[in-house]
Amino acid sequence: CYFPNCNRSFGRSYNLKAHALTHGDHRPFPCRLCKKTFARIHDRDRHMSCHSTEKAHCCIVCLGRFARQDAVIRH
């Protein structure tokens, strides 16, 4: 990434362009439930799970439940 202090790198130019949007002020995708806005619709849609009480993703080791699959992976 060519933004200062951002050390992200991408193998495909498409991914770099998509990532670069997150550095800008243009955030046309608002959350319907809170005041957060997002540069990418995918990020807004992923954010929506934080408003849900449903925890659809399960850790196969401890059986802990999580709202997002990436949270299970980090866990």
PDB file of N, CA and C in Angstrom:
ATOM      1  N   CYS A   1       0.853  -1.182   0.000  1.00  0.00           N
ATOM      2  CA  CYS A   1       0.000   0.000   0.000  1.00  0.00           C
ATOM      3  C   CYS A   1       0.894   1.240   0.000  1.00  0.00           C
ATOM      4  N   TYR A   2       0.521   2.230  -0.716  1.00  0.00           N
ATOM      5  CA  TYR A   2       1.335   3.436  -0.863  1.00  0.00           C
ATOM      6  C   TYR A   2       0.990   4.529   0.144  1.00  0.00           C
ATOM      7  N   PHE A   3       0.104   4.269   1.094  1.00  0.00           N
ATOM      8  CA  PHE A   3      -0.222   5.259   2.119  1.00  0.00           C
ATOM      9  C   PHE A   3       0.809   5.199   3.244  1.00  0.00           C
ATOM     10  N   PRO A   4       1.172   6.356   3.795  1.00  0.00           N
ATOM     11  CA  PRO A   4       2.163   6.380   4.886  1.00  0.00           C
ATOM     12  C   PRO A   4       1.716   5.517   6.068  1.00  0.00           C
ATOM     13  N   ASN A   5       2.641   4.816   6.636  1.00  0.00           N
ATOM     14  CA  ASN A   5       2.426   3.979   7.823  1.00  0.00           C
ATOM     15  C   ASN A   5       1.503   2.785   7.596  1.00  0.00           C
ATOM     16  N   CYS A   6       1.214   2.468   6.363  1.00  0.00           N
ATOM     17  CA  CYS A   6       0.421   1.276   6.060  1.00  0.00           C
ATOM     18  C   CYS A   6       1.354   0.275   5.402  1.00  0.00           C
ATOM     19  N   ASN A   7       1.545  -0.834   6.038  1.00  0.00           N
ATOM     20  CA  ASN A   7       2.493  -1.833   5.549  1.00  0.00           C
ATOM     21  C   ASN A   7       1.833  -2.995   4.816  1.00  0.00           C
ATOM     22  N   ARG A   8       0.576  -2.832   4.443  1.00  0.00           N
ATOM     23  CA  ARG A   8      -0.125  -3.914   3.750  1.00  0.00           C
ATOM     24  C   ARG A   8       0.425  -4.084   2.344  1.00  0.00           C
ATOM     25  N   SER A   9       0.485  -5.310   1.878  1.00  0.00           N
ATOM     26  CA  SER A   9       0.891  -5.576   0.500  1.00  0.00           C
ATOM     27  C   SER A   9      -0.103  -6.554  -0.117  1.00  0.00           C
ATOM     28  N   PHE A  10      -0.244  -6.476  -1.416  1.00  0.00           N
ATOM     29  CA  PHE A  10      -1.239  -7.271  -2.119  1.00  0.00           C
ATOM     30  C   PHE A  10      -0.643  -7.830  -3.397  1.00  0.00           C
ATOM     31  N   GLY A  11      -0.973  -9.040  -3.716  1.00  0.00           N
ATOM     32  CA  GLY A  11      -0.487  -9.678  -4.928  1.00  0.00           C
ATOM     33  C   GLY A  11      -1.252  -9.273  -6.171  1.00  0.00           C
ATOM     34  N   ARG A  12      -2.450  -8.756  -5.981  1.00  0.00           N
ATOM     35  CA  ARG A  12      -3.291  -8.359  -7.117  1.00  0.00           C
ATOM     36  C   ARG A  12      -3.631  -6.886  -7.016  1.00  0.00           C
ATOM     37  N   SER A  13      -3.604  -6.210  -8.150  1.00  0.00           N
ATOM     38  CA  SER A  13      -3.889  -4.770  -8.154  1.00  0.00           C
ATOM     39  C   SER A  13      -5.322  -4.491  -7.706  1.00  0.00           C
ATOM     40  N   TYR A  14      -6.253  -5.403  -8.010  1.00  0.00           N
ATOM     41  CA  TYR A  14      -7.636  -5.222  -7.577  1.00  0.00           C
ATOM     42  C   TYR A  14      -7.717  -5.108  -6.054  1.00  0.00           C
ATOM     43  N   ASN A  15      -6.994  -5.981  -5.355  1.00  0.00           N
ATOM     44  CA  ASN A  15      -7.028  -5.968  -3.893  1.00  0.00           C
ATOM     45  C   ASN A  15      -6.410  -4.684  -3.340  1.00  0.00           C
ATOM     46  N   LEU A  16      -5.348  -4.205  -3.969  1.00  0.00           N
ATOM     47  CA  LEU A  16      -4.741  -2.945  -3.550  1.00  0.00           C
ATOM     48  C   LEU A  16      -5.717  -1.794  -3.735  1.00  0.00           C
ATOM     49  N   LYS A  17      -6.408  -1.757  -4.863  1.00  0.00           N
ATOM     50  CA  LYS A  17      -7.382  -0.687  -5.115  1.00  0.00           C
ATOM     51  C   LYS A  17      -8.516  -0.740  -4.097  1.00  0.00           C
ATOM     52  N   ALA A  18      -9.004  -1.936  -3.803  1.00  0.00           N
ATOM     53  CA  ALA A  18     -10.081  -2.085  -2.825  1.00  0.00           C
ATOM     54  C   ALA A  18      -9.612  -1.644  -1.444  1.00  0.00           C
ATOM     55  N   HIS A  19      -8.394  -2.004  -1.078  1.00  0.00           N
ATOM     56  CA  HIS A  19      -7.840  -1.606   0.214  1.00  0.00           C
ATOM     57  C   HIS A  19      -7.639  -0.097   0.285  1.00  0.00           C
ATOM     58  N   ALA A  20      -7.181   0.511  -0.797  1.00  0.00           N
ATOM     59  CA  ALA A  20      -6.916   1.954  -0.814  1.00  0.00           C
ATOM     60  C   ALA A  20      -8.176   2.754  -0.488  1.00  0.00           C
ATOM     61  N   LEU A  21      -9.339   2.231  -0.818  1.00  0.00           N
ATOM     62  CA  LEU A  21     -10.596   2.912  -0.498  1.00  0.00           C
ATOM     63  C   LEU A  21     -10.756   3.121   1.004  1.00  0.00           C
ATOM     64  N   THR A  22     -10.207   2.233   1.796  1.00  0.00           N
ATOM     65  CA  THR A  22     -10.372   2.330   3.247  1.00  0.00           C
ATOM     66  C   THR A  22      -9.593   3.496   3.836  1.00  0.00           C
ATOM     67  N   HIS A  23      -8.635   4.042   3.094  1.00  0.00           N
ATOM     68  CA  HIS A  23      -7.847   5.171   3.576  1.00  0.00           C
ATOM     69  C   HIS A  23      -8.517   6.513   3.298  1.00  0.00           C
ATOM     70  N   GLY A  24      -9.494   6.536   2.419  1.00  0.00           N
ATOM     71  CA  GLY A  24     -10.126   7.795   2.027  1.00  0.00           C
ATOM     72  C   GLY A  24     -11.256   8.204   2.952  1.00  0.00           C
ATOM     73  N   ASP A  25     -11.775   9.395   2.709  1.00  0.00           N
ATOM     74  CA  ASP A  25     -12.890   9.918   3.502  1.00  0.00           C
ATOM     75  C   ASP A  25     -14.247   9.563   2.901  1.00  0.00           C
ATOM     76  N   HIS A  26     -14.256   9.086   1.668  1.00  0.00           N
ATOM     77  CA  HIS A  26     -15.515   8.748   1.000  1.00  0.00           C
ATOM     78  C   HIS A  26     -16.005   7.400   1.524  1.00  0.00           C
ATOM     79  N   ARG A  27     -17.085   7.440   2.300  1.00  0.00           N
ATOM     80  CA  ARG A  27     -17.632   6.225   2.916  1.00  0.00           C
ATOM     81  C   ARG A  27     -19.139   6.187   2.656  1.00  0.00           C
ATOM     82  N   PRO A  28     -19.511   5.732   1.461  1.00  0.00           N
ATOM     83  CA  PRO A  28     -20.913   5.815   1.053  1.00  0.00           C
ATOM     84  C   PRO A  28     -21.830   4.717   1.591  1.00  0.00           C
ATOM     85  N   PHE A  29     -21.306   3.811   2.416  1.00  0.00           N
ATOM     86  CA  PHE A  29     -22.124   2.691   2.892  1.00  0.00           C
ATOM     87  C   PHE A  29     -22.346   2.791   4.400  1.00  0.00           C
ATOM     88  N   PRO A  30     -23.467   3.398   4.813  1.00  0.00           N
ATOM     89  CA  PRO A  30     -23.736   3.548   6.247  1.00  0.00           C
ATOM     90  C   PRO A  30     -24.405   2.306   6.839  1.00  0.00           C
ATOM     91  N   CYS A  31     -24.138   2.092   8.108  1.00  0.00           N
ATOM     92  CA  CYS A  31     -24.856   1.068   8.863  1.00  0.00           C
ATOM     93  C   CYS A  31     -26.243   1.616   9.166  1.00  0.00           C
ATOM     94  N   ARG A  32     -27.260   0.793   9.016  1.00  0.00           N
ATOM     95  CA  ARG A  32     -28.630   1.224   9.303  1.00  0.00           C
ATOM     96  C   ARG A  32     -28.907   1.313  10.798  1.00  0.00           C
ATOM     97  N   LEU A  33     -28.043   0.729  11.616  1.00  0.00           N
ATOM     98  CA  LEU A  33     -28.321   0.635  13.042  1.00  0.00           C
ATOM     99  C   LEU A  33     -27.434   1.509  13.923  1.00  0.00           C
ATOM    100  N   CYS A  34     -26.343   2.003  13.380  1.00  0.00           N
ATOM    101  CA  CYS A  34     -25.477   2.898  14.146  1.00  0.00           C
ATOM    102  C   CYS A  34     -24.899   3.944  13.194  1.00  0.00           C
ATOM    103  N   LYS A  35     -24.047   4.779  13.671  1.00  0.00           N
ATOM    104  CA  LYS A  35     -23.544   5.881  12.858  1.00  0.00           C
ATOM    105  C   LYS A  35     -22.281   5.551  12.060  1.00  0.00           C
ATOM    106  N   LYS A  36     -21.827   4.308  12.089  1.00  0.00           N
ATOM    107  CA  LYS A  36     -20.618   3.948  11.343  1.00  0.00           C
ATOM    108  C   LYS A  36     -20.880   3.947   9.841  1.00  0.00           C
ATOM    109  N   THR A  37     -19.869   4.354   9.092  1.00  0.00           N
ATOM    110  CA  THR A  37     -19.939   4.315   7.636  1.00  0.00           C
ATOM    111  C   THR A  37     -18.719   3.567   7.109  1.00  0.00           C
ATOM    112  N   PHE A  38     -18.842   3.047   5.901  1.00  0.00           N
ATOM    113  CA  PHE A  38     -17.807   2.189   5.348  1.00  0.00           C
ATOM    114  C   PHE A  38     -17.523   2.540   3.899  1.00  0.00           C
ATOM    115  N   ALA A  39     -16.271   2.376   3.507  1.00  0.00           N
ATOM    116  CA  ALA A  39     -15.858   2.632   2.131  1.00  0.00           C
ATOM    117  C   ALA A  39     -16.278   1.490   1.212  1.00  0.00           C
ATOM    118  N   ARG A  40     -16.385   0.285   1.768  1.00  0.00           N
ATOM    119  CA  ARG A  40     -16.734  -0.887   0.964  1.00  0.00           C
ATOM    120  C   ARG A  40     -17.994  -1.545   1.522  1.00  0.00           C
ATOM    121  N   ILE A  41     -18.871  -1.939   0.642  1.00  0.00           N
ATOM    122  CA  ILE A  41     -20.127  -2.559   1.064  1.00  0.00           C
ATOM    123  C   ILE A  41     -19.870  -3.866   1.817  1.00  0.00           C
ATOM    124  N   HIS A  42     -18.847  -4.593   1.415  1.00  0.00           N
ATOM    125  CA  HIS A  42     -18.495  -5.839   2.100  1.00  0.00           C
ATOM    126  C   HIS A  42     -18.172  -5.578   3.576  1.00  0.00           C
ATOM    127  N   ASP A  43     -17.456  -4.500   3.842  1.00  0.00           N
ATOM    128  CA  ASP A  43     -17.105  -4.174   5.228  1.00  0.00           C
ATOM    129  C   ASP A  43     -18.344  -3.796   6.030  1.00  0.00           C
ATOM    130  N   ARG A  44     -19.273  -3.060   5.404  1.00  0.00           N
ATOM    131  CA  ARG A  44     -20.524  -2.705   6.086  1.00  0.00           C
ATOM    132  C   ARG A  44     -21.329  -3.959   6.383  1.00  0.00           C
ATOM    133  N   ASP A  45     -21.429  -4.851   5.411  1.00  0.00           N
ATOM    134  CA  ASP A  45     -22.211  -6.070   5.610  1.00  0.00           C
ATOM    135  C   ASP A  45     -21.595  -6.954   6.691  1.00  0.00           C
ATOM    136  N   ARG A  46     -20.278  -7.037   6.730  1.00  0.00           N
ATOM    137  CA  ARG A  46     -19.596  -7.810   7.778  1.00  0.00           C
ATOM    138  C   ARG A  46     -19.834  -7.169   9.144  1.00  0.00           C
ATOM    139  N   HIS A  47     -19.820  -5.850   9.205  1.00  0.00           N
ATOM    140  CA  HIS A  47     -20.053  -5.112  10.449  1.00  0.00           C
ATOM    141  C   HIS A  47     -21.439  -5.408  11.024  1.00  0.00           C
ATOM    142  N   MET A  48     -22.423  -5.625  10.170  1.00  0.00           N
ATOM    143  CA  MET A  48     -23.800  -5.812  10.636  1.00  0.00           C
ATOM    144  C   MET A  48     -23.920  -6.953  11.641  1.00  0.00           C
ATOM    145  N   SER A  49     -23.052  -7.935  11.566  1.00  0.00           N
ATOM    146  CA  SER A  49     -23.151  -9.059  12.502  1.00  0.00           C
ATOM    147  C   SER A  49     -22.879  -8.632  13.941  1.00  0.00           C
ATOM    148  N   CYS A  50     -22.202  -7.509  14.144  1.00  0.00           N
ATOM    149  CA  CYS A  50     -21.935  -7.074  15.521  1.00  0.00           C
ATOM    150  C   CYS A  50     -23.215  -6.609  16.213  1.00  0.00           C
ATOM    151  N   HIS A  51     -24.256  -6.324  15.442  1.00  0.00           N
ATOM    152  CA  HIS A  51     -25.530  -5.913  16.027  1.00  0.00           C
ATOM    153  C   HIS A  51     -26.425  -7.105  16.349  1.00  0.00           C
ATOM    154  N   SER A  52     -26.049  -8.272  15.893  1.00  0.00           N
ATOM    155  CA  SER A  52     -26.864  -9.465  16.087  1.00  0.00           C
ATOM    156  C   SER A  52     -26.493 -10.159  17.394  1.00  0.00           C
ATOM    157  N   THR A  53     -27.481 -10.727  18.030  1.00  0.00           N
ATOM    158  CA  THR A  53     -27.209 -11.528  19.224  1.00  0.00           C
ATOM    159  C   THR A  53     -26.969 -12.987  18.840  1.00  0.00           C
ATOM    160  N   GLU A  54     -27.238 -13.313  17.568  1.00  0.00           N
ATOM    161  CA  GLU A  54     -27.018 -14.679  17.089  1.00  0.00           C
ATOM    162  C   GLU A  54     -25.523 -14.937  16.909  1.00  0.00           C
ATOM    163  N   LYS A  55     -25.066 -16.036  17.433  1.00  0.00           N
ATOM    164  CA  LYS A  55     -23.668 -16.434  17.291  1.00  0.00           C
ATOM    165  C   LYS A  55     -23.645 -17.744  16.513  1.00  0.00           C
ATOM    166  N   ALA A  56     -23.571 -17.609  15.196  1.00  0.00           N
ATOM    167  CA  ALA A  56     -23.750 -18.750  14.304  1.00  0.00           C
ATOM    168  C   ALA A  56     -22.484 -19.572  14.083  1.00  0.00           C
ATOM    169  N   HIS A  57     -21.329 -19.079  14.513  1.00  0.00           N
ATOM    170  CA  HIS A  57     -20.066 -19.765  14.237  1.00  0.00           C
ATOM    171  C   HIS A  57     -19.509 -20.370  15.522  1.00  0.00           C
ATOM    172  N   CYS A  58     -19.064 -21.622  15.417  1.00  0.00           N
ATOM    173  CA  CYS A  58     -18.661 -22.380  16.601  1.00  0.00           C
ATOM    174  C   CYS A  58     -17.217 -22.854  16.493  1.00  0.00           C
ATOM    175  N   CYS A  59     -16.482 -22.751  17.601  1.00  0.00           N
ATOM    176  CA  CYS A  59     -15.130 -23.305  17.692  1.00  0.00           C
ATOM    177  C   CYS A  59     -15.259 -24.808  17.920  1.00  0.00           C
ATOM    178  N   ILE A  60     -14.578 -25.597  17.102  1.00  0.00           N
ATOM    179  CA  ILE A  60     -14.693 -27.055  17.231  1.00  0.00           C
ATOM    180  C   ILE A  60     -13.885 -27.604  18.401  1.00  0.00           C
ATOM    181  N   VAL A  61     -13.013 -26.786  18.984  1.00  0.00           N
ATOM    182  CA  VAL A  61     -12.197 -27.235  20.116  1.00  0.00           C
ATOM    183  C   VAL A  61     -12.929 -27.010  21.436  1.00  0.00           C
ATOM    184  N   CYS A  62     -13.391 -25.777  21.672  1.00  0.00           N
ATOM    185  CA  CYS A  62     -14.001 -25.457  22.970  1.00  0.00           C
ATOM    186  C   CYS A  62     -15.513 -25.273  22.899  1.00  0.00           C
ATOM    187  N   LEU A  63     -16.065 -25.315  21.678  1.00  0.00           N
ATOM    188  CA  LEU A  63     -17.496 -25.121  21.436  1.00  0.00           C
ATOM    189  C   LEU A  63     -17.969 -23.700  21.740  1.00  0.00           C
ATOM    190  N   GLY A  64     -17.017 -22.764  21.852  1.00  0.00           N
ATOM    191  CA  GLY A  64     -17.384 -21.359  22.012  1.00  0.00           C
ATOM    192  C   GLY A  64     -18.104 -20.856  20.778  1.00  0.00           C
ATOM    193  N   ARG A  65     -19.008 -19.911  20.947  1.00  0.00           N
ATOM    194  CA  ARG A  65     -19.817 -19.404  19.839  1.00  0.00           C
ATOM    195  C   ARG A  65     -19.419 -17.969  19.535  1.00  0.00           C
ATOM    196  N   PHE A  66     -19.450 -17.624  18.242  1.00  0.00           N
ATOM    197  CA  PHE A  66     -19.023 -16.313  17.777  1.00  0.00           C
ATOM    198  C   PHE A  66     -19.960 -15.808  16.686  1.00  0.00           C
ATOM    199  N   ALA A  67     -20.079 -14.490  16.587  1.00  0.00           N
ATOM    200  CA  ALA A  67     -20.940 -13.888  15.571  1.00  0.00           C
ATOM    201  C   ALA A  67     -20.307 -13.953  14.186  1.00  0.00           C
ATOM    202  N   ARG A  68     -18.973 -13.937  14.118  1.00  0.00           N
ATOM    203  CA  ARG A  68     -18.283 -13.925  12.828  1.00  0.00           C
ATOM    204  C   ARG A  68     -17.260 -15.044  12.738  1.00  0.00           C
ATOM    205  N   GLN A  69     -17.096 -15.600  11.541  1.00  0.00           N
ATOM    206  CA  GLN A  69     -16.139 -16.677  11.323  1.00  0.00           C
ATOM    207  C   GLN A  69     -14.712 -16.214  11.577  1.00  0.00           C
ATOM    208  N   ASP A  70     -14.377 -14.982  11.211  1.00  0.00           N
ATOM    209  CA  ASP A  70     -13.009 -14.514  11.442  1.00  0.00           C
ATOM    210  C   ASP A  70     -12.697 -14.415  12.932  1.00  0.00           C
ATOM    211  N   ALA A  71     -13.708 -14.216  13.763  1.00  0.00           N
ATOM    212  CA  ALA A  71     -13.495 -14.209  15.212  1.00  0.00           C
ATOM    213  C   ALA A  71     -13.149 -15.614  15.712  1.00  0.00           C
ATOM    214  N   VAL A  72     -13.757 -16.629  15.115  1.00  0.00           N
ATOM    215  CA  VAL A  72     -13.431 -18.015  15.476  1.00  0.00           C
ATOM    216  C   VAL A  72     -11.975 -18.300  15.121  1.00  0.00           C
ATOM    217  N   ILE A  73     -11.545 -17.865  13.953  1.00  0.00           N
ATOM    218  CA  ILE A  73     -10.165 -18.103  13.511  1.00  0.00           C
ATOM    219  C   ILE A  73      -9.173 -17.397  14.433  1.00  0.00           C
ATOM    220  N   ARG A  74      -9.448 -16.151  14.804  1.00  0.00           N
ATOM    221  CA  ARG A  74      -8.569 -15.425  15.733  1.00  0.00           C
ATOM    222  C   ARG A  74      -8.538 -16.096  17.099  1.00  0.00           C
ATOM    223  N   HIS A  75      -9.677 -16.631  17.521  1.00  0.00           N
ATOM    224  CA  HIS A  75      -9.800 -17.297  18.812  1.00  0.00           C
ATOM    225  C   HIS A  75      -8.886 -18.501  18.858  1.00  0.00           C
TER     226      HIS A  75
END
